[in-house]
N, C-alpha and C. Protein backbone atom coordinates (compact mmCIF):
# COMPACT_ATOMS: atom_id res chain seq x y z
N MET A 1 14.68 15.79 22.57
CA MET A 1 14.09 14.46 22.29
C MET A 1 14.86 13.73 21.23
N SER A 2 15.16 12.51 21.52
CA SER A 2 15.94 11.62 20.60
C SER A 2 15.15 11.36 19.37
N ILE A 3 15.92 10.95 18.30
CA ILE A 3 15.26 10.46 16.98
C ILE A 3 14.39 9.27 17.20
N GLU A 4 14.76 8.35 18.13
CA GLU A 4 14.01 7.19 18.40
C GLU A 4 12.70 7.51 19.03
N ALA A 5 12.68 8.48 20.04
CA ALA A 5 11.50 8.89 20.63
C ALA A 5 10.53 9.58 19.71
N ALA A 6 11.16 10.42 18.82
CA ALA A 6 10.23 11.21 17.97
C ALA A 6 9.69 10.20 16.99
N TYR A 7 10.40 9.22 16.50
CA TYR A 7 9.85 8.17 15.55
C TYR A 7 8.77 7.40 16.28
N GLY A 8 8.99 6.98 17.40
CA GLY A 8 7.98 6.28 18.16
C GLY A 8 6.72 7.06 18.40
N LEU A 9 6.78 8.29 18.81
CA LEU A 9 5.63 9.18 18.86
C LEU A 9 4.82 9.28 17.67
N LEU A 10 5.54 9.67 16.56
CA LEU A 10 4.97 9.82 15.20
C LEU A 10 4.41 8.55 14.60
N ALA A 11 5.06 7.48 14.86
CA ALA A 11 4.66 6.21 14.32
C ALA A 11 3.40 5.64 14.98
N HIS A 12 3.23 5.89 16.37
CA HIS A 12 2.15 5.49 17.01
C HIS A 12 1.00 6.31 16.67
N ALA A 13 1.18 7.66 16.39
CA ALA A 13 0.15 8.50 15.98
C ALA A 13 -0.40 8.07 14.73
N LEU A 14 0.43 7.74 13.77
CA LEU A 14 -0.01 7.27 12.61
C LEU A 14 -0.76 5.86 12.57
N ILE A 15 -0.26 5.00 13.45
CA ILE A 15 -0.97 3.74 13.70
C ILE A 15 -2.35 3.99 14.24
N PHE A 16 -2.52 5.00 15.20
CA PHE A 16 -3.82 5.18 15.74
C PHE A 16 -4.66 5.83 14.69
N GLY A 17 -4.18 6.64 13.87
CA GLY A 17 -4.88 7.19 12.69
C GLY A 17 -5.35 6.09 11.66
N ALA A 18 -4.51 5.11 11.53
CA ALA A 18 -4.82 4.08 10.63
C ALA A 18 -5.95 3.13 11.21
N LEU A 19 -5.97 3.04 12.55
CA LEU A 19 -6.94 2.25 13.19
C LEU A 19 -8.36 3.02 13.10
N ALA A 20 -8.24 4.35 13.25
CA ALA A 20 -9.51 5.18 13.02
C ALA A 20 -10.03 5.10 11.57
N ALA A 21 -9.09 4.95 10.59
CA ALA A 21 -9.37 4.89 9.20
C ALA A 21 -10.22 3.58 8.81
N MET A 22 -10.04 2.65 9.68
CA MET A 22 -10.71 1.31 9.49
C MET A 22 -12.22 1.46 9.80
N LEU A 23 -12.62 2.47 10.58
CA LEU A 23 -14.10 2.58 11.00
C LEU A 23 -14.81 3.13 9.58
N PRO A 24 -16.10 2.73 9.56
CA PRO A 24 -16.85 3.11 8.35
C PRO A 24 -17.39 4.44 8.34
N PHE A 25 -16.53 5.39 7.98
CA PHE A 25 -16.90 6.81 7.90
C PHE A 25 -17.15 7.27 6.42
N GLY A 26 -17.21 6.40 5.41
CA GLY A 26 -17.32 6.80 4.02
C GLY A 26 -16.45 7.71 3.52
N ILE A 27 -16.97 8.90 3.05
CA ILE A 27 -16.18 9.84 2.35
C ILE A 27 -15.38 10.71 3.32
N PHE A 28 -15.69 10.62 4.66
CA PHE A 28 -14.90 11.27 5.74
C PHE A 28 -13.86 10.49 6.26
N ARG A 29 -13.51 9.36 5.72
CA ARG A 29 -12.50 8.49 6.18
C ARG A 29 -11.13 9.14 6.28
N ALA A 30 -10.66 9.83 5.30
CA ALA A 30 -9.42 10.54 5.38
C ALA A 30 -9.38 11.65 6.39
N ARG A 31 -10.42 12.38 6.54
CA ARG A 31 -10.51 13.49 7.56
C ARG A 31 -10.44 12.87 8.96
N VAL A 32 -11.19 11.85 9.19
CA VAL A 32 -11.25 11.18 10.46
C VAL A 32 -9.79 10.60 10.85
N ALA A 33 -9.20 10.00 9.88
CA ALA A 33 -7.86 9.52 10.11
C ALA A 33 -6.87 10.64 10.43
N LEU A 34 -6.91 11.70 9.85
CA LEU A 34 -6.12 12.83 10.02
C LEU A 34 -6.31 13.42 11.46
N ALA A 35 -7.65 13.53 11.80
CA ALA A 35 -7.97 14.03 13.11
C ALA A 35 -7.50 13.06 14.19
N ALA A 36 -7.71 11.82 13.97
CA ALA A 36 -7.32 10.88 14.93
C ALA A 36 -5.81 10.88 15.15
N THR A 37 -5.12 11.06 14.14
CA THR A 37 -3.63 11.13 14.17
C THR A 37 -3.11 12.29 15.00
N ALA A 38 -3.70 13.52 14.71
CA ALA A 38 -3.36 14.62 15.57
C ALA A 38 -3.87 14.58 16.93
N LEU A 39 -5.10 14.06 17.17
CA LEU A 39 -5.53 13.91 18.56
C LEU A 39 -4.78 12.96 19.34
N SER A 40 -4.24 11.88 18.73
CA SER A 40 -3.41 10.95 19.51
C SER A 40 -2.26 11.60 20.00
N LEU A 41 -1.71 12.61 19.30
CA LEU A 41 -0.55 13.29 19.80
C LEU A 41 -1.01 14.32 20.92
N MET A 42 -2.04 14.98 20.72
CA MET A 42 -2.46 16.11 21.56
C MET A 42 -3.04 15.66 22.95
N ILE A 43 -3.79 14.55 22.93
CA ILE A 43 -4.43 14.07 24.16
C ILE A 43 -3.58 12.91 24.93
N GLY A 44 -2.48 12.51 24.27
CA GLY A 44 -1.60 11.56 24.91
C GLY A 44 -1.68 10.13 24.66
N ILE A 45 -2.47 9.76 23.70
CA ILE A 45 -2.63 8.44 23.22
C ILE A 45 -1.35 7.89 22.65
N ALA A 46 -0.67 8.63 21.76
CA ALA A 46 0.66 8.20 21.19
C ALA A 46 1.70 8.08 22.31
N PRO A 47 1.84 8.96 23.06
CA PRO A 47 2.86 8.79 24.16
C PRO A 47 2.57 7.54 25.06
N PHE A 48 1.26 7.39 25.34
CA PHE A 48 0.89 6.23 26.23
C PHE A 48 1.24 4.97 25.51
N MET A 49 0.92 4.87 24.13
CA MET A 49 1.29 3.66 23.41
C MET A 49 2.74 3.41 23.34
N LEU A 50 3.57 4.60 23.20
CA LEU A 50 4.97 4.46 23.20
C LEU A 50 5.49 3.91 24.59
N ALA A 51 4.93 4.38 25.58
CA ALA A 51 5.39 3.97 26.94
C ALA A 51 5.14 2.50 27.25
N ILE A 52 3.95 2.12 26.69
CA ILE A 52 3.50 0.61 26.88
C ILE A 52 4.23 -0.35 25.83
N PHE A 53 4.16 -0.08 24.66
CA PHE A 53 4.69 -0.95 23.68
C PHE A 53 6.08 -0.73 23.10
N GLY A 54 6.63 0.53 23.34
CA GLY A 54 7.92 0.89 22.85
C GLY A 54 7.64 1.38 21.39
N ALA A 55 8.74 1.70 20.73
CA ALA A 55 8.75 2.11 19.37
C ALA A 55 8.17 0.98 18.46
N PRO A 56 7.19 1.20 17.58
CA PRO A 56 6.76 0.11 16.67
C PRO A 56 7.81 -0.17 15.61
N SER A 57 7.64 -1.36 15.10
CA SER A 57 8.56 -1.73 14.06
C SER A 57 8.20 -0.95 12.70
N THR A 58 9.13 -0.82 11.86
CA THR A 58 8.90 -0.12 10.63
C THR A 58 7.93 -0.97 9.78
N THR A 59 7.85 -2.32 9.94
CA THR A 59 6.91 -3.17 9.38
C THR A 59 5.40 -2.69 9.58
N LEU A 60 5.14 -2.51 10.94
CA LEU A 60 3.85 -2.12 11.38
C LEU A 60 3.57 -0.80 10.84
N LEU A 61 4.58 0.13 10.92
CA LEU A 61 4.45 1.53 10.41
C LEU A 61 4.04 1.45 8.93
N CYS A 62 4.67 0.58 8.11
CA CYS A 62 4.39 0.56 6.67
C CYS A 62 3.06 0.06 6.43
N LEU A 63 2.46 -0.98 7.20
CA LEU A 63 1.24 -1.51 7.08
C LEU A 63 0.21 -0.41 7.42
N ALA A 64 0.44 0.33 8.42
CA ALA A 64 -0.44 1.46 8.85
C ALA A 64 -0.52 2.53 7.74
N LEU A 65 0.68 2.88 7.26
CA LEU A 65 0.68 3.84 6.11
C LEU A 65 -0.16 3.33 4.83
N LEU A 66 0.04 2.13 4.54
CA LEU A 66 -0.77 1.47 3.41
C LEU A 66 -2.24 1.70 3.74
N ASN A 67 -2.66 1.40 5.01
CA ASN A 67 -4.01 1.55 5.28
C ASN A 67 -4.47 3.00 5.18
N LEU A 68 -3.65 3.93 5.62
CA LEU A 68 -3.98 5.36 5.56
C LEU A 68 -4.19 5.89 4.21
N ILE A 69 -3.30 5.36 3.25
CA ILE A 69 -3.48 5.90 1.82
C ILE A 69 -4.52 5.17 1.14
N GLY A 70 -5.22 4.14 1.91
CA GLY A 70 -6.52 3.58 1.24
C GLY A 70 -6.19 2.48 0.36
N ALA A 71 -5.12 1.62 0.66
CA ALA A 71 -4.85 0.44 -0.14
C ALA A 71 -6.00 -0.45 0.10
N THR A 72 -6.42 -1.00 -1.05
CA THR A 72 -7.61 -1.82 -1.15
C THR A 72 -7.64 -3.06 -0.23
N SER A 73 -6.51 -3.83 -0.08
CA SER A 73 -6.45 -4.87 0.76
C SER A 73 -5.04 -4.87 1.56
N SER A 74 -5.10 -5.38 2.73
CA SER A 74 -3.82 -5.28 3.50
C SER A 74 -2.91 -6.45 2.99
N PRO A 75 -1.57 -6.13 2.97
CA PRO A 75 -0.73 -7.28 2.53
C PRO A 75 -0.49 -8.24 3.67
N LEU A 76 -1.01 -7.93 4.79
CA LEU A 76 -0.92 -8.97 5.95
C LEU A 76 -2.07 -9.88 5.88
N SER A 77 -1.91 -10.85 4.91
CA SER A 77 -2.85 -11.84 4.72
C SER A 77 -2.45 -13.06 5.59
N ARG A 78 -3.15 -14.22 5.23
CA ARG A 78 -2.87 -15.45 6.07
C ARG A 78 -1.39 -15.87 6.08
N LEU A 79 -0.79 -16.03 4.96
CA LEU A 79 0.61 -16.56 4.84
C LEU A 79 1.61 -15.53 5.59
N PRO A 80 1.57 -14.17 5.34
CA PRO A 80 2.54 -13.30 6.15
C PRO A 80 2.24 -13.29 7.60
N ALA A 81 0.93 -13.41 7.92
CA ALA A 81 0.51 -13.47 9.39
C ALA A 81 1.21 -14.60 10.05
N PHE A 82 1.13 -15.81 9.41
CA PHE A 82 1.76 -16.93 10.02
C PHE A 82 3.26 -16.86 10.00
N ALA A 83 3.85 -16.22 9.07
CA ALA A 83 5.32 -16.00 9.16
C ALA A 83 5.71 -15.04 10.24
N VAL A 84 4.88 -13.99 10.59
CA VAL A 84 5.04 -13.11 11.71
C VAL A 84 4.92 -13.89 13.05
N LEU A 85 3.86 -14.63 13.12
CA LEU A 85 3.63 -15.44 14.31
C LEU A 85 4.81 -16.56 14.57
N GLY A 86 5.24 -17.17 13.51
CA GLY A 86 6.34 -18.11 13.60
C GLY A 86 7.62 -17.40 14.08
N SER A 87 7.92 -16.26 13.43
CA SER A 87 9.08 -15.53 13.89
C SER A 87 9.06 -15.08 15.34
N ALA A 88 7.73 -14.62 15.70
CA ALA A 88 7.62 -14.13 17.02
C ALA A 88 7.74 -15.32 18.11
N LEU A 89 7.20 -16.52 17.79
CA LEU A 89 7.39 -17.63 18.59
C LEU A 89 8.84 -17.99 18.68
N GLY A 90 9.62 -17.98 17.59
CA GLY A 90 10.98 -18.22 17.61
C GLY A 90 11.81 -17.23 18.39
N LEU A 91 11.30 -16.06 18.45
CA LEU A 91 11.99 -14.88 19.05
C LEU A 91 11.63 -14.93 20.66
N TYR A 92 10.34 -15.05 20.95
CA TYR A 92 9.90 -14.87 22.27
C TYR A 92 10.02 -16.08 23.16
N LEU A 93 9.83 -17.34 22.64
CA LEU A 93 10.02 -18.50 23.50
C LEU A 93 11.36 -18.75 24.16
N PRO A 94 12.38 -18.51 23.45
CA PRO A 94 13.75 -18.63 24.03
C PRO A 94 13.93 -17.51 25.30
N ALA A 95 13.28 -16.50 25.08
CA ALA A 95 13.43 -15.33 26.07
C ALA A 95 12.61 -15.73 27.34
N THR A 96 11.64 -16.55 27.30
CA THR A 96 11.00 -17.06 28.41
C THR A 96 11.67 -18.19 29.16
N GLY A 97 12.59 -18.85 28.36
CA GLY A 97 13.27 -19.91 29.06
C GLY A 97 12.70 -21.28 28.60
N LEU A 98 11.79 -21.26 27.87
CA LEU A 98 11.10 -22.55 27.39
C LEU A 98 11.97 -23.23 26.34
N LEU A 99 12.66 -22.50 25.60
CA LEU A 99 13.57 -23.16 24.60
C LEU A 99 14.96 -22.57 24.89
N PRO A 100 15.98 -23.42 24.42
CA PRO A 100 17.39 -22.96 24.60
C PRO A 100 17.73 -22.00 23.58
N GLY A 101 18.74 -21.22 23.78
CA GLY A 101 19.23 -20.28 22.75
C GLY A 101 18.74 -18.91 22.96
N GLU A 102 19.17 -18.01 22.11
CA GLU A 102 18.86 -16.51 22.20
C GLU A 102 18.83 -16.10 20.78
N ILE A 103 17.71 -16.06 20.07
CA ILE A 103 17.59 -15.51 18.75
C ILE A 103 17.61 -14.04 18.70
N TYR A 104 17.17 -13.36 19.73
CA TYR A 104 17.09 -11.93 19.81
C TYR A 104 18.55 -11.36 19.64
N ALA A 105 19.60 -12.06 20.17
CA ALA A 105 20.90 -11.57 20.15
C ALA A 105 21.47 -11.48 18.74
N LEU A 106 20.88 -12.27 17.78
CA LEU A 106 21.34 -12.30 16.35
C LEU A 106 20.99 -10.91 15.77
N GLY A 107 20.16 -10.16 16.33
CA GLY A 107 19.79 -8.91 15.74
C GLY A 107 20.76 -7.80 16.02
N PHE A 108 21.68 -8.06 17.00
CA PHE A 108 22.76 -7.14 17.25
C PHE A 108 23.95 -7.12 16.29
N GLN A 109 24.25 -8.42 15.96
CA GLN A 109 25.25 -8.72 14.92
C GLN A 109 24.44 -9.50 13.88
N PRO A 110 23.78 -8.73 12.97
CA PRO A 110 22.83 -9.38 12.06
C PRO A 110 23.22 -10.15 10.89
N TRP A 111 24.46 -10.37 10.67
CA TRP A 111 24.84 -11.14 9.39
C TRP A 111 24.16 -12.43 9.25
N PRO A 112 24.03 -13.34 10.31
CA PRO A 112 23.30 -14.52 10.03
C PRO A 112 21.82 -14.22 9.68
N LEU A 113 21.23 -13.29 10.41
CA LEU A 113 19.76 -13.03 10.12
C LEU A 113 19.65 -12.36 8.65
N LEU A 114 20.72 -11.49 8.29
CA LEU A 114 20.51 -10.99 6.87
C LEU A 114 20.74 -12.18 5.85
N ALA A 115 21.57 -13.08 6.15
CA ALA A 115 21.77 -14.32 5.33
C ALA A 115 20.43 -15.05 5.18
N VAL A 116 19.57 -15.05 6.14
CA VAL A 116 18.31 -15.75 6.12
C VAL A 116 17.31 -14.76 5.39
N LEU A 117 17.48 -13.42 5.48
CA LEU A 117 16.56 -12.48 4.89
C LEU A 117 16.71 -12.44 3.41
N LEU A 118 17.96 -12.63 2.87
CA LEU A 118 18.29 -12.54 1.45
C LEU A 118 17.48 -13.47 0.71
N PRO A 119 17.51 -14.74 0.98
CA PRO A 119 16.64 -15.60 0.17
C PRO A 119 15.04 -15.39 0.31
N ILE A 120 14.69 -14.97 1.46
CA ILE A 120 13.31 -14.57 1.72
C ILE A 120 13.02 -13.47 0.75
N GLY A 121 13.80 -12.43 0.75
CA GLY A 121 13.53 -11.21 -0.19
C GLY A 121 13.59 -11.62 -1.57
N LEU A 122 14.55 -12.45 -2.03
CA LEU A 122 14.45 -12.94 -3.37
C LEU A 122 13.25 -13.83 -3.76
N LEU A 123 12.85 -14.56 -2.82
CA LEU A 123 11.52 -15.37 -3.02
C LEU A 123 10.44 -14.48 -3.20
N LEU A 124 10.27 -13.47 -2.32
CA LEU A 124 9.22 -12.50 -2.30
C LEU A 124 9.07 -11.76 -3.62
N GLY A 125 10.39 -11.32 -4.14
CA GLY A 125 10.40 -10.67 -5.47
C GLY A 125 10.10 -11.63 -6.62
N TRP A 126 10.54 -12.94 -6.50
CA TRP A 126 10.28 -13.83 -7.59
C TRP A 126 8.57 -14.13 -7.61
N LYS A 127 8.06 -14.01 -6.44
CA LYS A 127 6.50 -14.25 -6.36
C LYS A 127 5.76 -13.10 -6.66
N GLY A 128 6.45 -12.01 -6.88
CA GLY A 128 5.78 -10.72 -7.35
C GLY A 128 5.21 -9.90 -6.03
N GLN A 129 5.75 -10.23 -4.90
CA GLN A 129 5.18 -9.55 -3.69
C GLN A 129 6.04 -8.22 -3.41
N THR A 130 5.86 -7.32 -4.30
CA THR A 130 6.68 -6.09 -4.31
C THR A 130 6.47 -5.27 -2.95
N ILE A 131 5.23 -5.28 -2.43
CA ILE A 131 4.99 -4.50 -1.35
C ILE A 131 5.83 -5.11 -0.16
N TRP A 132 5.91 -6.50 -0.06
CA TRP A 132 6.67 -7.01 0.99
C TRP A 132 8.15 -6.77 0.82
N VAL A 133 8.56 -6.78 -0.42
CA VAL A 133 10.01 -6.52 -0.69
C VAL A 133 10.27 -5.09 -0.23
N LEU A 134 9.46 -4.16 -0.52
CA LEU A 134 9.59 -2.74 -0.24
C LEU A 134 9.57 -2.54 1.35
N ILE A 135 8.61 -3.25 1.92
CA ILE A 135 8.58 -3.27 3.50
C ILE A 135 9.87 -3.81 4.09
N LEU A 136 10.39 -4.78 3.46
CA LEU A 136 11.65 -5.48 3.96
C LEU A 136 12.86 -4.45 3.87
N ALA A 137 12.77 -3.80 2.68
CA ALA A 137 13.90 -2.85 2.32
C ALA A 137 13.79 -1.61 3.26
N ILE A 138 12.59 -1.31 3.62
CA ILE A 138 12.50 -0.02 4.63
C ILE A 138 12.94 -0.51 5.94
N ASP A 139 12.58 -1.70 6.27
CA ASP A 139 13.11 -2.34 7.58
C ASP A 139 14.53 -2.27 7.60
N LEU A 140 15.24 -2.72 6.64
CA LEU A 140 16.60 -2.86 6.59
C LEU A 140 17.34 -1.48 6.56
N LEU A 141 16.71 -0.46 5.84
CA LEU A 141 17.21 0.94 5.71
C LEU A 141 17.07 1.52 7.23
N ALA A 142 15.89 1.32 7.93
CA ALA A 142 15.72 1.87 9.29
C ALA A 142 16.79 1.26 10.25
N TYR A 143 17.13 -0.02 10.12
CA TYR A 143 18.09 -0.55 11.00
C TYR A 143 19.53 0.05 10.63
N ALA A 144 19.81 0.04 9.31
CA ALA A 144 21.15 0.50 8.81
C ALA A 144 21.30 1.99 9.23
N GLY A 145 20.24 2.77 9.20
CA GLY A 145 20.27 4.24 9.58
C GLY A 145 20.49 4.44 11.05
N GLY A 146 20.41 3.41 11.81
CA GLY A 146 20.58 3.56 13.27
C GLY A 146 19.42 3.93 13.99
N LEU A 147 18.23 3.78 13.36
CA LEU A 147 16.90 4.03 14.16
C LEU A 147 16.62 2.99 15.16
N PHE A 148 17.23 1.75 14.94
CA PHE A 148 17.01 0.55 15.86
C PHE A 148 18.41 0.09 16.19
N ALA A 149 18.51 -0.44 17.42
CA ALA A 149 19.74 -1.07 17.81
C ALA A 149 19.81 -2.49 17.39
N ASN A 150 18.67 -3.13 17.27
CA ASN A 150 18.56 -4.49 16.89
C ASN A 150 17.68 -4.61 15.75
N LEU A 151 18.06 -5.53 14.80
CA LEU A 151 17.29 -5.66 13.52
C LEU A 151 15.87 -6.16 13.80
N TRP A 152 15.77 -7.08 14.74
CA TRP A 152 14.51 -7.57 15.06
C TRP A 152 13.39 -6.50 15.46
N GLN A 153 13.99 -5.45 16.00
CA GLN A 153 13.06 -4.27 16.34
C GLN A 153 12.44 -3.59 15.25
N ALA A 154 13.29 -3.68 14.11
CA ALA A 154 12.71 -3.01 12.81
C ALA A 154 11.72 -3.99 12.20
N LEU A 155 11.87 -5.34 12.34
CA LEU A 155 11.12 -6.25 11.73
C LEU A 155 9.82 -6.61 12.50
N LEU A 156 9.88 -6.73 13.80
CA LEU A 156 8.72 -7.27 14.65
C LEU A 156 8.52 -6.34 15.85
N ASP A 157 7.32 -6.25 16.34
CA ASP A 157 7.05 -5.71 17.55
C ASP A 157 5.75 -6.31 18.09
N PRO A 158 5.43 -6.18 19.38
CA PRO A 158 4.21 -6.76 19.99
C PRO A 158 2.92 -6.45 19.25
N LEU A 159 2.77 -5.19 18.92
CA LEU A 159 1.51 -4.87 18.21
C LEU A 159 1.42 -5.54 16.87
N LEU A 160 2.50 -5.67 16.14
CA LEU A 160 2.40 -6.46 14.88
C LEU A 160 2.04 -7.90 15.13
N VAL A 161 2.66 -8.55 16.32
CA VAL A 161 2.31 -9.91 16.54
C VAL A 161 0.79 -9.91 16.94
N LEU A 162 0.32 -9.08 17.56
CA LEU A 162 -1.19 -9.07 17.95
C LEU A 162 -2.03 -8.91 16.68
N LEU A 163 -1.53 -7.94 15.77
CA LEU A 163 -2.28 -7.90 14.43
C LEU A 163 -2.25 -9.19 13.68
N ALA A 164 -1.09 -9.77 13.59
CA ALA A 164 -0.98 -11.12 12.93
C ALA A 164 -1.86 -12.16 13.54
N LEU A 165 -1.85 -12.10 14.89
CA LEU A 165 -2.78 -13.12 15.60
C LEU A 165 -4.19 -12.88 15.23
N SER A 166 -4.67 -11.69 15.17
CA SER A 166 -6.02 -11.43 14.83
C SER A 166 -6.30 -11.84 13.37
N VAL A 167 -5.35 -11.60 12.49
CA VAL A 167 -5.57 -12.05 11.14
C VAL A 167 -5.67 -13.49 11.02
N ALA A 168 -4.83 -14.27 11.81
CA ALA A 168 -4.85 -15.71 11.75
C ALA A 168 -6.12 -16.14 12.40
N LEU A 169 -6.54 -15.64 13.43
CA LEU A 169 -7.86 -16.01 14.06
C LEU A 169 -9.01 -15.73 13.12
N ARG A 170 -9.11 -14.59 12.48
CA ARG A 170 -10.21 -14.28 11.63
C ARG A 170 -10.19 -15.26 10.43
N GLU A 171 -8.98 -15.63 9.91
CA GLU A 171 -8.98 -16.66 8.87
C GLU A 171 -9.41 -18.02 9.35
N ALA A 172 -9.13 -18.41 10.56
CA ALA A 172 -9.63 -19.56 11.18
C ALA A 172 -11.13 -19.59 11.35
N LEU A 173 -11.65 -18.53 11.78
CA LEU A 173 -13.05 -18.36 11.97
C LEU A 173 -13.79 -18.38 10.72
N VAL A 174 -13.32 -17.75 9.66
CA VAL A 174 -13.87 -17.84 8.34
C VAL A 174 -13.93 -19.23 7.75
N ARG A 175 -12.85 -19.98 7.94
CA ARG A 175 -12.79 -21.37 7.38
C ARG A 175 -13.66 -22.22 8.21
N LEU A 176 -13.87 -22.00 9.47
CA LEU A 176 -14.79 -22.81 10.34
C LEU A 176 -16.25 -22.54 9.89
N ASN A 177 -16.56 -21.26 9.58
CA ASN A 177 -17.95 -20.99 9.19
C ASN A 177 -18.26 -21.61 7.81
N VAL A 178 -17.20 -21.54 6.96
CA VAL A 178 -17.43 -22.04 5.52
C VAL A 178 -17.57 -23.59 5.65
N SER A 179 -16.79 -24.23 6.47
CA SER A 179 -16.91 -25.66 6.61
C SER A 179 -18.30 -26.07 7.21
N ARG A 180 -18.80 -25.28 8.17
CA ARG A 180 -20.11 -25.59 8.78
C ARG A 180 -21.28 -25.41 7.83
N ARG A 181 -21.17 -24.50 6.79
CA ARG A 181 -22.19 -24.26 5.97
C ARG A 181 -22.33 -25.49 4.87
N ARG A 182 -21.36 -26.19 4.67
CA ARG A 182 -21.25 -27.18 3.72
C ARG A 182 -21.84 -28.44 4.23
């Protein structure tokens, strides 16, 4: 088994455990998350997720790990969710042929992409977003370590985009409900 496949299996198992940890189990939350992580490997959920979605980005894995350790709130709030969605649109629309160019190819020779990420990382550090700086650093280490062939694979994946879309939709529904009550 290659390191990429092992990473993908373990990451999807942890993501499944993080999903289970979101259920209201009270004091049994940690035990349920651990059991769900192990069961996803044993009964084939993690391999199925790997086959369907491919290896998850380290960004999604870091968010899942933050959930597993019981972080009080997710760092994937409204603004980061819109940044993920904007990046995904810029990445996926040219692949469909709707827009010219190929942004995904920049991930194979990532110097221009790294030049864009540097000021983003500096801005995140200046704003005190240390969790996002750490996640970005882990993404870059995973790419530099050879875990991913393309830097975009370390930064984004379809499950992360779906998660960001759900955060953005939830935010829009909350704002709609608040405006209706006024």
